[in-house]
Amino acid sequence: MASETTHGELIDKVVKIRRCAAVVKGGRRFSFTAMVVVGDGRGKVGWGYGKANEVPPAVEKAVKDGSRSMVSISLDGTTVPHVVKGHFGAARVILVPASPGTGVIAGAAVRAVCEACGIRDILTKSFGTSNPINLVKATISALQTLRTQSEVERLRGVSLT
């Protein structure tokens, strides 16, 4: 369901649009929520959530929210430096580095996050819930825990070669 647009240098992918109905005197009044992943394709990614009475304003609000909450990710070329696990609620995600040419092997929600932040080769597996909103949050939490070898050497004060 992920649709993609580009605003300037940012890539935004709509992960999920939900409709909510409020019953009023004249019938049902619908409102919409949008979950969007925003990235620059070079190691920065964020997610945004927007609510409005129509779909386009909800997506615009979500993109604005996502561009505010962007975080930097440590990448190793076109993949991740090491195996990493992330979780949010009942959603569990495992991200495994892959050799060049593998592509993004992932479900829709995890794929949106990986493509938005510039990952081109990765293997993923999700466990627990299939809720795309929680899967996006779990994936971003996993990506935030990534460390390159040089970062680990600097933090520990030792050489790992």
N, C-alpha and C. Protein backbone atom coordinates (compact mmCIF):
# COMPACT_ATOMS: atom_id res chain seq x y z
N MET A 1 0.82 -1.19 0.00
CA MET A 1 0.00 0.00 0.00
C MET A 1 0.86 1.25 0.00
N ALA A 2 2.18 1.10 0.11
CA ALA A 2 3.06 2.25 0.22
C ALA A 2 3.15 2.99 -1.11
N SER A 3 2.67 4.24 -1.12
CA SER A 3 2.85 5.09 -2.30
C SER A 3 3.97 6.05 -1.99
N GLU A 4 4.72 6.44 -3.04
CA GLU A 4 5.94 7.21 -2.83
C GLU A 4 5.87 8.53 -3.58
N THR A 5 6.29 9.59 -2.91
CA THR A 5 6.46 10.89 -3.56
C THR A 5 7.77 11.49 -3.07
N THR A 6 8.26 12.47 -3.82
CA THR A 6 9.51 13.12 -3.45
C THR A 6 9.26 14.62 -3.33
N HIS A 7 9.59 15.19 -2.18
CA HIS A 7 9.49 16.63 -1.96
C HIS A 7 10.90 17.18 -1.76
N GLY A 8 11.44 17.87 -2.77
CA GLY A 8 12.80 18.38 -2.66
C GLY A 8 13.76 17.22 -2.57
N GLU A 9 14.42 17.07 -1.42
CA GLU A 9 15.36 15.98 -1.23
C GLU A 9 14.77 14.85 -0.39
N LEU A 10 13.57 15.03 0.14
CA LEU A 10 12.98 14.02 1.02
C LEU A 10 12.09 13.05 0.24
N ILE A 11 12.20 11.78 0.59
CA ILE A 11 11.34 10.73 0.04
C ILE A 11 10.30 10.43 1.11
N ASP A 12 9.00 10.45 0.74
CA ASP A 12 8.00 10.05 1.72
C ASP A 12 7.14 8.94 1.15
N LYS A 13 6.90 7.95 1.98
CA LYS A 13 6.12 6.78 1.59
C LYS A 13 4.94 6.62 2.54
N VAL A 14 3.74 6.58 1.98
CA VAL A 14 2.54 6.38 2.78
C VAL A 14 2.44 4.90 3.12
N VAL A 15 2.49 4.58 4.40
CA VAL A 15 2.47 3.18 4.84
C VAL A 15 1.03 2.72 5.07
N LYS A 16 0.23 3.54 5.73
CA LYS A 16 -1.12 3.12 6.09
C LYS A 16 -2.04 4.32 6.18
N ILE A 17 -3.25 4.17 5.63
CA ILE A 17 -4.30 5.18 5.80
C ILE A 17 -5.48 4.47 6.44
N ARG A 18 -5.96 5.05 7.54
CA ARG A 18 -7.09 4.45 8.26
C ARG A 18 -8.26 5.42 8.26
N ARG A 19 -9.47 4.85 8.22
CA ARG A 19 -10.68 5.66 8.26
C ARG A 19 -11.39 5.43 9.58
N CYS A 20 -11.84 6.51 10.19
CA CYS A 20 -12.56 6.43 11.46
C CYS A 20 -13.93 7.06 11.26
N ALA A 21 -14.97 6.48 11.81
CA ALA A 21 -16.33 7.01 11.66
C ALA A 21 -16.87 7.45 13.01
N ALA A 22 -17.39 8.68 13.06
CA ALA A 22 -18.08 9.18 14.25
C ALA A 22 -19.56 9.28 13.88
N VAL A 23 -20.41 8.64 14.65
CA VAL A 23 -21.84 8.67 14.35
C VAL A 23 -22.44 9.95 14.94
N VAL A 24 -23.00 10.76 14.05
CA VAL A 24 -23.64 12.03 14.45
C VAL A 24 -25.11 11.99 14.04
N LYS A 25 -25.83 13.05 14.35
CA LYS A 25 -27.27 13.09 14.10
C LYS A 25 -27.61 12.83 12.62
N GLY A 26 -26.83 13.36 11.73
CA GLY A 26 -27.13 13.23 10.30
C GLY A 26 -26.56 11.97 9.66
N GLY A 27 -25.88 11.12 10.40
CA GLY A 27 -25.28 9.91 9.82
C GLY A 27 -23.89 9.70 10.37
N ARG A 28 -22.97 9.28 9.49
CA ARG A 28 -21.59 9.05 9.92
C ARG A 28 -20.69 10.14 9.39
N ARG A 29 -19.81 10.61 10.25
CA ARG A 29 -18.80 11.58 9.82
C ARG A 29 -17.46 10.86 9.83
N PHE A 30 -16.77 10.84 8.68
CA PHE A 30 -15.52 10.12 8.55
C PHE A 30 -14.33 11.05 8.74
N SER A 31 -13.29 10.52 9.38
CA SER A 31 -12.01 11.22 9.45
C SER A 31 -10.93 10.20 9.09
N PHE A 32 -9.75 10.69 8.76
CA PHE A 32 -8.70 9.81 8.26
C PHE A 32 -7.39 10.04 9.01
N THR A 33 -6.63 8.95 9.18
CA THR A 33 -5.28 9.05 9.74
C THR A 33 -4.31 8.48 8.72
N ALA A 34 -3.13 9.04 8.68
CA ALA A 34 -2.11 8.58 7.73
C ALA A 34 -0.80 8.35 8.47
N MET A 35 -0.15 7.22 8.16
CA MET A 35 1.18 6.90 8.69
C MET A 35 2.14 7.00 7.51
N VAL A 36 3.14 7.87 7.64
CA VAL A 36 4.08 8.13 6.54
C VAL A 36 5.51 7.96 7.05
N VAL A 37 6.36 7.36 6.20
CA VAL A 37 7.79 7.26 6.48
C VAL A 37 8.50 8.27 5.60
N VAL A 38 9.38 9.09 6.21
CA VAL A 38 10.11 10.13 5.48
C VAL A 38 11.60 9.86 5.62
N GLY A 39 12.33 9.96 4.50
CA GLY A 39 13.77 9.76 4.53
C GLY A 39 14.46 10.57 3.45
N ASP A 40 15.79 10.67 3.56
CA ASP A 40 16.54 11.41 2.54
C ASP A 40 17.28 10.46 1.59
N GLY A 41 17.19 9.15 1.81
CA GLY A 41 17.86 8.19 0.95
C GLY A 41 19.35 8.08 1.21
N ARG A 42 19.85 8.79 2.23
CA ARG A 42 21.28 8.78 2.54
C ARG A 42 21.54 8.57 4.03
N GLY A 43 20.66 7.84 4.71
CA GLY A 43 20.92 7.50 6.10
C GLY A 43 20.12 8.26 7.13
N LYS A 44 19.09 9.01 6.71
CA LYS A 44 18.21 9.67 7.68
C LYS A 44 16.79 9.22 7.40
N VAL A 45 16.05 8.91 8.47
CA VAL A 45 14.68 8.43 8.33
C VAL A 45 13.86 8.84 9.54
N GLY A 46 12.56 9.01 9.34
CA GLY A 46 11.65 9.33 10.43
C GLY A 46 10.24 8.90 10.04
N TRP A 47 9.36 8.83 11.03
CA TRP A 47 7.97 8.49 10.74
C TRP A 47 7.06 9.59 11.26
N GLY A 48 5.92 9.75 10.58
CA GLY A 48 4.98 10.77 10.99
C GLY A 48 3.56 10.24 10.95
N TYR A 49 2.72 10.82 11.79
CA TYR A 49 1.33 10.40 11.90
C TYR A 49 0.48 11.66 11.80
N GLY A 50 -0.50 11.66 10.89
CA GLY A 50 -1.35 12.84 10.72
C GLY A 50 -2.81 12.47 10.69
N LYS A 51 -3.65 13.35 11.23
CA LYS A 51 -5.09 13.11 11.26
C LYS A 51 -5.80 14.33 10.66
N ALA A 52 -6.82 14.07 9.82
CA ALA A 52 -7.60 15.15 9.22
C ALA A 52 -8.93 14.59 8.72
N ASN A 53 -9.82 15.49 8.26
CA ASN A 53 -11.12 15.06 7.75
C ASN A 53 -11.05 14.52 6.32
N GLU A 54 -9.95 14.79 5.62
CA GLU A 54 -9.73 14.28 4.26
C GLU A 54 -8.36 13.62 4.22
N VAL A 55 -8.14 12.76 3.20
CA VAL A 55 -6.87 12.02 3.11
C VAL A 55 -5.68 12.93 2.79
N PRO A 56 -5.72 13.80 1.76
CA PRO A 56 -4.52 14.59 1.43
C PRO A 56 -3.99 15.46 2.59
N PRO A 57 -4.86 16.17 3.33
CA PRO A 57 -4.32 16.93 4.47
C PRO A 57 -3.72 16.03 5.56
N ALA A 58 -4.28 14.82 5.74
CA ALA A 58 -3.73 13.90 6.73
C ALA A 58 -2.32 13.47 6.32
N VAL A 59 -2.13 13.20 5.02
CA VAL A 59 -0.80 12.82 4.52
C VAL A 59 0.18 13.98 4.66
N GLU A 60 -0.26 15.20 4.33
CA GLU A 60 0.61 16.37 4.47
C GLU A 60 1.05 16.57 5.92
N LYS A 61 0.12 16.43 6.85
CA LYS A 61 0.46 16.58 8.28
C LYS A 61 1.45 15.50 8.71
N ALA A 62 1.24 14.28 8.21
CA ALA A 62 2.13 13.17 8.57
C ALA A 62 3.54 13.41 8.02
N VAL A 63 3.65 13.92 6.78
CA VAL A 63 4.96 14.21 6.19
C VAL A 63 5.67 15.30 7.00
N LYS A 64 4.93 16.32 7.40
CA LYS A 64 5.51 17.41 8.21
C LYS A 64 6.00 16.86 9.56
N ASP A 65 5.20 16.00 10.18
CA ASP A 65 5.56 15.38 11.45
C ASP A 65 6.78 14.47 11.29
N GLY A 66 6.81 13.70 10.20
CA GLY A 66 7.93 12.79 9.95
C GLY A 66 9.23 13.50 9.67
N SER A 67 9.17 14.62 8.96
CA SER A 67 10.41 15.35 8.66
C SER A 67 11.00 15.99 9.92
N ARG A 68 10.16 16.24 10.92
CA ARG A 68 10.65 16.78 12.21
C ARG A 68 11.34 15.70 13.04
N SER A 69 10.90 14.44 12.89
CA SER A 69 11.38 13.38 13.79
C SER A 69 12.44 12.50 13.14
N MET A 70 13.21 13.03 12.19
CA MET A 70 14.19 12.21 11.49
C MET A 70 15.40 11.92 12.36
N VAL A 71 15.93 10.68 12.23
CA VAL A 71 17.12 10.26 12.97
C VAL A 71 18.16 9.76 11.99
N SER A 72 19.44 9.83 12.37
CA SER A 72 20.52 9.36 11.52
C SER A 72 20.77 7.87 11.77
N ILE A 73 21.06 7.15 10.68
CA ILE A 73 21.29 5.72 10.73
C ILE A 73 22.72 5.44 10.25
N SER A 74 23.43 4.54 10.92
CA SER A 74 24.77 4.12 10.49
C SER A 74 24.63 3.03 9.44
N LEU A 75 25.08 3.32 8.22
CA LEU A 75 24.99 2.35 7.13
C LEU A 75 26.38 1.88 6.73
N ASP A 76 26.44 0.69 6.11
CA ASP A 76 27.68 0.13 5.59
C ASP A 76 27.48 -0.04 4.09
N GLY A 77 27.72 1.01 3.32
CA GLY A 77 27.45 0.98 1.89
C GLY A 77 25.96 0.99 1.64
N THR A 78 25.44 -0.08 1.02
CA THR A 78 24.00 -0.15 0.73
C THR A 78 23.26 -1.07 1.69
N THR A 79 23.92 -1.51 2.75
CA THR A 79 23.27 -2.41 3.71
C THR A 79 23.56 -1.96 5.14
N VAL A 80 23.15 -2.76 6.10
CA VAL A 80 23.40 -2.45 7.51
C VAL A 80 24.71 -3.11 7.94
N PRO A 81 25.42 -2.55 8.94
CA PRO A 81 26.72 -3.11 9.33
C PRO A 81 26.65 -4.48 10.01
N HIS A 82 25.56 -4.79 10.71
CA HIS A 82 25.48 -6.05 11.44
C HIS A 82 24.02 -6.42 11.66
N VAL A 83 23.79 -7.65 12.14
CA VAL A 83 22.44 -8.10 12.45
C VAL A 83 21.92 -7.29 13.63
N VAL A 84 20.65 -6.87 13.56
CA VAL A 84 20.08 -6.07 14.63
C VAL A 84 18.61 -6.45 14.80
N LYS A 85 18.14 -6.37 16.06
CA LYS A 85 16.74 -6.67 16.37
C LYS A 85 16.10 -5.41 16.95
N GLY A 86 14.83 -5.23 16.64
CA GLY A 86 14.10 -4.10 17.18
C GLY A 86 12.70 -4.54 17.57
N HIS A 87 12.10 -3.83 18.52
CA HIS A 87 10.73 -4.16 18.91
C HIS A 87 9.99 -2.92 19.33
N PHE A 88 8.69 -2.97 19.13
CA PHE A 88 7.78 -1.93 19.60
C PHE A 88 6.44 -2.62 19.82
N GLY A 89 5.96 -2.60 21.04
CA GLY A 89 4.73 -3.32 21.35
C GLY A 89 4.93 -4.80 21.08
N ALA A 90 4.02 -5.41 20.32
CA ALA A 90 4.13 -6.83 20.00
C ALA A 90 4.92 -7.06 18.72
N ALA A 91 5.35 -5.98 18.05
CA ALA A 91 6.08 -6.11 16.79
C ALA A 91 7.56 -6.36 17.07
N ARG A 92 8.11 -7.38 16.43
CA ARG A 92 9.53 -7.71 16.53
C ARG A 92 10.08 -7.77 15.11
N VAL A 93 11.26 -7.18 14.90
CA VAL A 93 11.86 -7.14 13.57
C VAL A 93 13.32 -7.53 13.68
N ILE A 94 13.80 -8.37 12.75
CA ILE A 94 15.22 -8.70 12.64
C ILE A 94 15.70 -8.20 11.29
N LEU A 95 16.81 -7.44 11.29
CA LEU A 95 17.41 -6.92 10.07
C LEU A 95 18.78 -7.57 9.90
N VAL A 96 19.02 -8.19 8.75
CA VAL A 96 20.26 -8.92 8.48
C VAL A 96 20.95 -8.31 7.27
N PRO A 97 22.26 -8.02 7.36
CA PRO A 97 22.96 -7.46 6.20
C PRO A 97 22.96 -8.45 5.03
N ALA A 98 22.96 -7.92 3.81
CA ALA A 98 22.95 -8.76 2.61
C ALA A 98 24.00 -8.27 1.63
N SER A 99 24.47 -9.16 0.76
CA SER A 99 25.48 -8.79 -0.22
C SER A 99 24.86 -7.91 -1.31
N PRO A 100 25.69 -7.11 -1.98
CA PRO A 100 25.17 -6.22 -3.03
C PRO A 100 24.42 -7.00 -4.11
N GLY A 101 23.29 -6.46 -4.55
CA GLY A 101 22.48 -7.10 -5.57
C GLY A 101 21.34 -7.92 -5.02
N THR A 102 21.27 -8.08 -3.69
CA THR A 102 20.20 -8.87 -3.07
C THR A 102 18.85 -8.16 -3.16
N GLY A 103 18.87 -6.85 -2.94
CA GLY A 103 17.63 -6.09 -2.90
C GLY A 103 17.07 -6.03 -1.49
N VAL A 104 15.90 -5.40 -1.37
CA VAL A 104 15.24 -5.28 -0.07
C VAL A 104 14.22 -6.41 0.05
N ILE A 105 14.54 -7.40 0.88
CA ILE A 105 13.64 -8.52 1.13
C ILE A 105 12.89 -8.20 2.41
N ALA A 106 11.69 -7.63 2.27
CA ALA A 106 10.95 -7.16 3.44
C ALA A 106 9.48 -7.01 3.10
N GLY A 107 8.65 -6.98 4.14
CA GLY A 107 7.23 -6.69 3.97
C GLY A 107 7.04 -5.20 3.71
N ALA A 108 5.81 -4.80 3.46
CA ALA A 108 5.52 -3.43 3.03
C ALA A 108 5.99 -2.37 4.02
N ALA A 109 5.70 -2.54 5.31
CA ALA A 109 6.03 -1.52 6.30
C ALA A 109 7.54 -1.41 6.50
N VAL A 110 8.22 -2.53 6.65
CA VAL A 110 9.67 -2.53 6.85
C VAL A 110 10.37 -2.06 5.57
N ARG A 111 9.86 -2.46 4.40
CA ARG A 111 10.42 -2.04 3.12
C ARG A 111 10.38 -0.51 2.98
N ALA A 112 9.28 0.10 3.38
CA ALA A 112 9.15 1.56 3.27
C ALA A 112 10.24 2.26 4.07
N VAL A 113 10.51 1.77 5.28
CA VAL A 113 11.55 2.38 6.13
C VAL A 113 12.93 2.18 5.50
N CYS A 114 13.22 0.97 5.03
CA CYS A 114 14.54 0.67 4.47
C CYS A 114 14.80 1.49 3.21
N GLU A 115 13.82 1.58 2.32
CA GLU A 115 14.01 2.33 1.09
C GLU A 115 14.12 3.83 1.35
N ALA A 116 13.37 4.34 2.33
CA ALA A 116 13.42 5.78 2.62
C ALA A 116 14.77 6.20 3.18
N CYS A 117 15.44 5.33 3.95
CA CYS A 117 16.72 5.72 4.53
C CYS A 117 17.90 5.34 3.65
N GLY A 118 17.66 4.70 2.51
CA GLY A 118 18.74 4.46 1.57
C GLY A 118 19.33 3.06 1.61
N ILE A 119 18.70 2.13 2.30
CA ILE A 119 19.19 0.75 2.33
C ILE A 119 18.72 0.06 1.05
N ARG A 120 19.66 -0.54 0.30
CA ARG A 120 19.32 -1.19 -0.97
C ARG A 120 19.40 -2.72 -0.89
N ASP A 121 20.19 -3.24 0.07
CA ASP A 121 20.38 -4.69 0.19
C ASP A 121 20.21 -5.09 1.65
N ILE A 122 19.14 -5.84 1.94
CA ILE A 122 18.88 -6.25 3.33
C ILE A 122 17.90 -7.42 3.35
N LEU A 123 18.05 -8.28 4.34
CA LEU A 123 17.10 -9.37 4.60
C LEU A 123 16.40 -9.04 5.91
N THR A 124 15.09 -9.19 5.95
CA THR A 124 14.36 -8.87 7.18
C THR A 124 13.35 -9.97 7.48
N LYS A 125 12.96 -10.03 8.75
CA LYS A 125 11.89 -10.93 9.18
C LYS A 125 11.16 -10.24 10.31
N SER A 126 9.82 -10.25 10.23
CA SER A 126 9.03 -9.66 11.30
C SER A 126 8.28 -10.75 12.04
N PHE A 127 8.13 -10.57 13.34
CA PHE A 127 7.45 -11.52 14.21
C PHE A 127 6.40 -10.78 15.03
N GLY A 128 5.48 -11.53 15.60
CA GLY A 128 4.48 -10.92 16.47
C GLY A 128 3.34 -10.37 15.63
N THR A 129 3.09 -9.10 15.73
CA THR A 129 1.97 -8.47 15.05
C THR A 129 2.31 -8.11 13.61
N SER A 130 1.29 -7.96 12.80
CA SER A 130 1.48 -7.49 11.42
C SER A 130 1.01 -6.04 11.29
N ASN A 131 0.76 -5.37 12.41
CA ASN A 131 0.32 -3.98 12.43
C ASN A 131 1.42 -3.10 11.82
N PRO A 132 1.15 -2.46 10.67
CA PRO A 132 2.20 -1.70 9.99
C PRO A 132 2.74 -0.53 10.81
N ILE A 133 1.91 0.08 11.63
CA ILE A 133 2.37 1.22 12.43
C ILE A 133 3.41 0.76 13.45
N ASN A 134 3.13 -0.35 14.14
CA ASN A 134 4.10 -0.85 15.11
C ASN A 134 5.33 -1.43 14.43
N LEU A 135 5.18 -2.00 13.23
CA LEU A 135 6.35 -2.53 12.50
C LEU A 135 7.29 -1.40 12.08
N VAL A 136 6.73 -0.27 11.65
CA VAL A 136 7.57 0.89 11.29
C VAL A 136 8.35 1.36 12.50
N LYS A 137 7.68 1.49 13.64
CA LYS A 137 8.35 1.95 14.86
C LYS A 137 9.41 0.96 15.32
N ALA A 138 9.14 -0.35 15.19
CA ALA A 138 10.11 -1.37 15.57
C ALA A 138 11.33 -1.33 14.66
N THR A 139 11.11 -1.12 13.35
CA THR A 139 12.21 -1.06 12.39
C THR A 139 13.10 0.15 12.67
N ILE A 140 12.51 1.29 12.93
CA ILE A 140 13.31 2.49 13.20
C ILE A 140 14.07 2.34 14.52
N SER A 141 13.46 1.68 15.52
CA SER A 141 14.18 1.47 16.78
C SER A 141 15.36 0.53 16.56
N ALA A 142 15.20 -0.46 15.67
CA ALA A 142 16.31 -1.37 15.35
C ALA A 142 17.43 -0.60 14.64
N LEU A 143 17.07 0.23 13.68
CA LEU A 143 18.07 0.98 12.91
C LEU A 143 18.84 1.96 13.79
N GLN A 144 18.19 2.48 14.82
CA GLN A 144 18.86 3.43 15.72
C GLN A 144 19.95 2.77 16.55
N THR A 145 19.88 1.45 16.76
CA THR A 145 20.88 0.76 17.57
C THR A 145 22.08 0.31 16.75
N LEU A 146 22.09 0.58 15.44
CA LEU A 146 23.22 0.16 14.59
C LEU A 146 24.47 0.95 14.93
N ARG A 147 25.62 0.28 14.87
CA ARG A 147 26.92 0.92 15.08
C ARG A 147 27.89 0.38 14.03
N THR A 148 28.67 1.24 13.40
CA THR A 148 29.71 0.77 12.48
C THR A 148 30.91 0.29 13.29
N GLN A 149 31.81 -0.44 12.65
CA GLN A 149 32.97 -0.97 13.37
C GLN A 149 33.82 0.17 13.92
N SER A 150 33.98 1.25 13.15
CA SER A 150 34.79 2.38 13.62
C SER A 150 34.15 3.05 14.84
N GLU A 151 32.81 3.13 14.88
CA GLU A 151 32.13 3.71 16.05
C GLU A 151 32.35 2.85 17.29
N VAL A 152 32.27 1.53 17.14
CA VAL A 152 32.47 0.62 18.27
C VAL A 152 33.91 0.72 18.78
N GLU A 153 34.88 0.78 17.85
CA GLU A 153 36.29 0.93 18.25
C GLU A 153 36.49 2.21 19.04
N ARG A 154 35.88 3.30 18.57
CA ARG A 154 36.03 4.59 19.24
C ARG A 154 35.38 4.56 20.62
N LEU A 155 34.19 3.98 20.73
CA LEU A 155 33.49 3.94 22.01
C LEU A 155 34.19 3.06 23.04
N ARG A 156 34.75 1.92 22.58
CA ARG A 156 35.42 1.00 23.50
C ARG A 156 36.86 1.38 23.75
N GLY A 157 37.45 2.15 22.83
CA GLY A 157 38.86 2.52 22.98
C GLY A 157 39.82 1.40 22.63
N VAL A 158 39.39 0.46 21.76
CA VAL A 158 40.24 -0.66 21.36
C VAL A 158 40.16 -0.82 19.84
N SER A 159 41.08 -1.60 19.30
CA SER A 159 41.06 -1.91 17.87
C SER A 159 40.46 -3.30 17.67
N LEU A 160 39.54 -3.42 16.72
CA LEU A 160 38.85 -4.69 16.51
C LEU A 160 39.35 -5.44 15.28
N THR A 161 40.50 -5.03 14.74
CA THR A 161 41.00 -5.71 13.54
C THR A 161 41.83 -6.92 13.86
